[in-house]
């Protein structure tokens, strides 16, 4: 992950429909917002996610940035995605299917913005609200 300048690491749980739908939404948003393919995208099987990639191995760093991760067992198999800039995780999303939100995140990552899009009005965009 340290070598990744800008990109998304998506954890796919192929047996879960919600995860497959989240991947479909991400690929559609990437096609619309990054047609030139400037962002790196890695799709990782969530069952075999390497400790180097999955947040659990960097728990102290990520819990500091995303307090809702404290004490959680990951992955949740909802189609989690790590948004990475300059080798550091800048956002964690789960079950993201809102095209407007995804395109906004992609554009922010491409332009190097430190401002991340806020949650959509209809539901929060982080992992703590999933059962």
Protein backbone atom coordinates (compact mmCIF):
# COMPACT_ATOMS: atom_id res chain seq x y z
CA UNK A 1 0.00 0.00 0.00
CA UNK A 2 2.91 2.35 0.68
CA UNK A 3 3.72 2.41 -3.05
CA UNK A 4 0.17 3.33 -4.03
CA UNK A 5 -0.01 7.01 -4.99
CA UNK A 6 -3.76 7.30 -5.57
CA UNK A 7 -6.28 4.55 -5.73
CA UNK A 8 -8.88 2.26 -4.25
CA UNK A 9 -8.47 -1.15 -2.67
CA UNK A 10 -11.81 -2.96 -2.77
CA UNK A 11 -12.45 -6.05 -0.63
CA UNK A 12 -14.81 -8.31 -2.53
CA UNK A 13 -16.89 -10.98 -0.80
CA UNK A 14 -18.12 -12.76 -3.94
CA UNK A 15 -20.74 -14.80 -2.07
CA UNK A 16 -22.48 -11.62 -0.79
CA UNK A 17 -24.78 -9.76 -3.16
CA UNK A 18 -24.23 -6.47 -1.32
CA UNK A 19 -20.48 -6.74 -1.94
CA UNK A 20 -20.92 -7.55 -5.64
CA UNK A 21 -23.33 -4.61 -6.03
CA UNK A 22 -20.87 -2.28 -4.31
CA UNK A 23 -18.15 -3.39 -6.76
CA UNK A 24 -20.48 -2.83 -9.71
CA UNK A 25 -21.27 0.67 -8.44
CA UNK A 26 -17.58 1.44 -7.99
CA UNK A 27 -16.68 0.29 -11.51
CA UNK A 28 -19.52 2.34 -13.01
CA UNK A 29 -18.42 5.42 -11.08
CA UNK A 30 -14.79 4.92 -12.10
CA UNK A 31 -15.82 4.64 -15.76
CA UNK A 32 -17.71 7.93 -15.47
CA UNK A 33 -15.32 9.96 -13.28
CA UNK A 34 -11.95 8.52 -14.33
CA UNK A 35 -12.33 7.35 -17.94
CA UNK A 36 -8.57 7.64 -18.49
CA UNK A 37 -7.88 5.15 -15.71
CA UNK A 38 -5.51 7.37 -13.73
CA UNK A 39 -6.42 5.80 -10.38
CA UNK A 40 -5.02 2.43 -9.38
CA UNK A 41 -7.72 -0.06 -8.45
CA UNK A 42 -7.15 -3.37 -6.71
CA UNK A 43 -9.90 -5.89 -6.03
CA UNK A 44 -8.95 -8.28 -3.24
CA UNK A 45 -10.78 -11.42 -2.12
CA UNK A 46 -11.97 -10.47 1.36
CA UNK A 47 -11.52 -14.03 2.67
CA UNK A 48 -7.83 -14.05 1.91
CA UNK A 49 -7.05 -10.37 2.39
CA UNK A 50 -3.41 -9.98 3.24
CA UNK A 51 -2.59 -8.42 6.59
CA UNK A 52 -0.49 -5.89 4.72
CA UNK A 53 -3.61 -4.63 2.94
CA UNK A 54 -6.38 -5.11 5.48
CA UNK A 55 -6.74 -2.37 8.11
CA UNK A 56 -6.39 -4.78 11.05
CA UNK A 57 -2.65 -4.83 10.57
CA UNK A 58 -2.49 -1.07 10.86
CA UNK A 59 -5.13 -0.80 13.55
CA UNK A 60 -3.51 1.93 15.66
CA UNK A 61 -3.07 4.24 12.67
CA UNK A 62 -6.55 3.64 11.28
CA UNK A 63 -8.40 3.71 14.61
CA UNK A 64 -6.83 7.11 15.19
CA UNK A 65 -8.30 8.31 11.89
CA UNK A 66 -11.52 6.24 11.97
CA UNK A 67 -12.51 5.74 15.64
CA UNK A 68 -15.53 3.66 14.62
CA UNK A 69 -13.10 0.86 13.69
CA UNK A 70 -11.96 0.27 17.29
CA UNK A 71 -12.71 -3.27 18.37
CA UNK A 72 -14.29 -4.27 15.06
CA UNK A 73 -13.63 -7.54 13.29
CA UNK A 74 -12.79 -6.85 9.68
CA UNK A 75 -13.69 -7.45 6.99
CA UNK A 76 -17.44 -7.23 7.41
CA UNK A 77 -17.96 -8.51 3.84
CA UNK A 78 -20.09 -5.54 2.80
CA UNK A 79 -17.79 -4.44 0.00
CA UNK A 80 -15.37 -2.34 2.02
CA UNK A 81 -13.03 -0.03 0.17
CA UNK A 82 -9.90 1.74 1.28
CA UNK A 83 -9.29 5.06 -0.46
CA UNK A 84 -5.54 5.69 -0.63
CA UNK A 85 -3.49 8.79 -1.34
CA UNK A 86 0.32 8.82 -1.21
CA UNK A 87 0.39 5.42 0.49
CA UNK A 88 -1.97 6.41 3.32
CA UNK A 89 -5.59 5.47 3.82
CA UNK A 90 -7.71 8.62 3.68
CA UNK A 91 -11.14 7.00 3.80
CA UNK A 92 -12.88 3.71 4.49
CA UNK A 93 -16.28 3.03 2.95
CA UNK A 94 -18.67 0.09 3.17
CA UNK A 95 -21.53 -0.86 0.91
CA UNK A 96 -21.09 2.33 -1.12
CA UNK A 97 -23.56 2.38 -3.98
CA UNK A 98 -24.45 6.07 -4.33
CA UNK A 99 -23.06 7.07 -7.73
CA UNK A 100 -22.91 10.77 -6.92
CA UNK A 101 -20.96 10.06 -3.73
CA UNK A 102 -18.57 7.68 -5.46
CA UNK A 103 -17.88 10.06 -8.34
CA UNK A 104 -17.28 12.86 -5.86
CA UNK A 105 -14.76 10.73 -3.94
CA UNK A 106 -13.03 9.75 -7.18
CA UNK A 107 -12.75 13.35 -8.37
CA UNK A 108 -11.41 14.46 -4.96
CA UNK A 109 -8.80 11.70 -5.07
CA UNK A 110 -7.77 12.66 -8.61
CA UNK A 111 -7.31 16.32 -7.82
CA UNK A 112 -5.54 15.66 -4.53
CA UNK A 113 -8.16 17.40 -2.47
CA UNK A 114 -7.99 16.91 1.27
CA UNK A 115 -11.71 17.55 1.50
CA UNK A 116 -13.67 14.32 1.47
CA UNK A 117 -17.33 14.28 0.50
CA UNK A 118 -19.77 14.17 3.37
CA UNK A 119 -22.33 11.43 3.96
CA UNK A 120 -25.41 11.41 1.78
CA UNK A 121 -28.53 12.60 3.55
CA UNK A 122 -30.29 9.24 3.34
CA UNK A 123 -27.72 7.12 5.23
CA UNK A 124 -24.25 7.27 6.75
CA UNK A 125 -21.27 6.13 4.66
CA UNK A 126 -19.12 4.28 7.15
CA UNK A 127 -18.92 0.79 8.57
CA UNK A 128 -20.13 1.36 12.11
CA UNK A 129 -23.81 1.26 11.25
CA UNK A 130 -23.85 -2.25 9.81
CA UNK A 131 -25.02 -5.10 12.06
